Amino acid sequence: MGVGTSAGSKLYIAAAAPTTFDESGYDAVFEDSDAVEVGEITNFGELGRE
């Protein structure tokens, strides 16, 4: 597997947790809430399996 990047990624924070941990659950949280985009991330950390 090659190297991945998190360039262009966005991080949002919402007060509510999703009712299901799939696309529809997360869509409901972020469409029906006041989710806030974090302004700047200097290190998003590693993504995926090592």
C-alpha atoms as a PDB file:
ATOM      1  CA  MET A   1       0.000   0.000   0.000  1.00  0.00           C
ATOM      2  CA  GLY A   2       1.270   3.490  -0.849  1.00  0.00           C
ATOM      3  CA  VAL A   3       1.521   6.644   1.187  1.00  0.00           C
ATOM      4  CA  GLY A   4      -1.688   8.550   1.919  1.00  0.00           C
ATOM      5  CA  THR A   5      -2.190  12.226   2.611  1.00  0.00           C
ATOM      6  CA  SER A   6      -4.719  14.188   4.625  1.00  0.00           C
ATOM      7  CA  ALA A   7      -4.244  17.344   2.530  1.00  0.00           C
ATOM      8  CA  GLY A   8      -7.563  19.065   1.982  1.00  0.00           C
ATOM      9  CA  SER A   9      -9.262  17.222   4.845  1.00  0.00           C
ATOM     10  CA  LYS A  10     -11.684  19.069   7.092  1.00  0.00           C
ATOM     11  CA  LEU A  11     -12.497  18.371  10.737  1.00  0.00           C
ATOM     12  CA  TYR A  12     -15.916  19.216  12.151  1.00  0.00           C
ATOM     13  CA  ILE A  13     -17.138  19.042  15.744  1.00  0.00           C
ATOM     14  CA  ALA A  14     -20.789  18.495  16.683  1.00  0.00           C
ATOM     15  CA  ALA A  15     -22.424  18.255  20.103  1.00  0.00           C
ATOM     16  CA  ALA A  16     -24.569  15.256  19.144  1.00  0.00           C
ATOM     17  CA  ALA A  17     -23.389  11.731  18.395  1.00  0.00           C
ATOM     18  CA  PRO A  18     -24.772   9.886  15.365  1.00  0.00           C
ATOM     19  CA  THR A  19     -27.575   7.403  16.019  1.00  0.00           C
ATOM     20  CA  THR A  20     -25.908   4.962  13.593  1.00  0.00           C
ATOM     21  CA  PHE A  21     -22.264   4.870  12.566  1.00  0.00           C
ATOM     22  CA  ASP A  22     -22.858   4.861   8.810  1.00  0.00           C
ATOM     23  CA  GLU A  23     -23.366   7.536   6.163  1.00  0.00           C
ATOM     24  CA  SER A  24     -26.999   8.239   7.067  1.00  0.00           C
ATOM     25  CA  GLY A  25     -26.216   8.578  10.779  1.00  0.00           C
ATOM     26  CA  TYR A  26     -23.433  11.087  10.163  1.00  0.00           C
ATOM     27  CA  ASP A  27     -25.472  12.964   7.545  1.00  0.00           C
ATOM     28  CA  ALA A  28     -28.217  13.480  10.116  1.00  0.00           C
ATOM     29  CA  VAL A  29     -25.768  14.859  12.689  1.00  0.00           C
ATOM     30  CA  PHE A  30     -24.104  17.332  10.378  1.00  0.00           C
ATOM     31  CA  GLU A  31     -27.192  18.460   8.462  1.00  0.00           C
ATOM     32  CA  ASP A  32     -29.416  18.954  11.518  1.00  0.00           C
ATOM     33  CA  SER A  33     -26.932  20.513  13.942  1.00  0.00           C
ATOM     34  CA  ASP A  34     -24.633  23.440  14.421  1.00  0.00           C
ATOM     35  CA  ALA A  35     -21.472  21.494  13.574  1.00  0.00           C
ATOM     36  CA  VAL A  36     -18.406  23.725  13.611  1.00  0.00           C
ATOM     37  CA  GLU A  37     -15.436  23.395  11.274  1.00  0.00           C
ATOM     38  CA  VAL A  38     -12.098  23.529  13.088  1.00  0.00           C
ATOM     39  CA  GLY A  39     -10.207  26.510  11.693  1.00  0.00           C
ATOM     40  CA  GLU A  40      -6.686  25.189  11.220  1.00  0.00           C
ATOM     41  CA  ILE A  41      -4.992  21.840  11.746  1.00  0.00           C
ATOM     42  CA  THR A  42      -1.213  21.700  11.719  1.00  0.00           C
ATOM     43  CA  ASN A  43      -0.927  17.914  12.153  1.00  0.00           C
ATOM     44  CA  PHE A  44      -3.870  15.638  11.358  1.00  0.00           C
ATOM     45  CA  GLY A  45      -1.899  12.577  12.429  1.00  0.00           C
ATOM     46  CA  GLU A  46      -1.548   9.284  10.610  1.00  0.00           C
ATOM     47  CA  LEU A  47      -4.487   7.818   8.710  1.00  0.00           C
ATOM     48  CA  GLY A  48      -5.252   4.178   8.071  1.00  0.00           C
ATOM     49  CA  ARG A  49      -3.464   1.003   9.081  1.00  0.00           C
ATOM     50  CA  GLU A  50       0.270   0.738   9.417  1.00  0.00           C
END
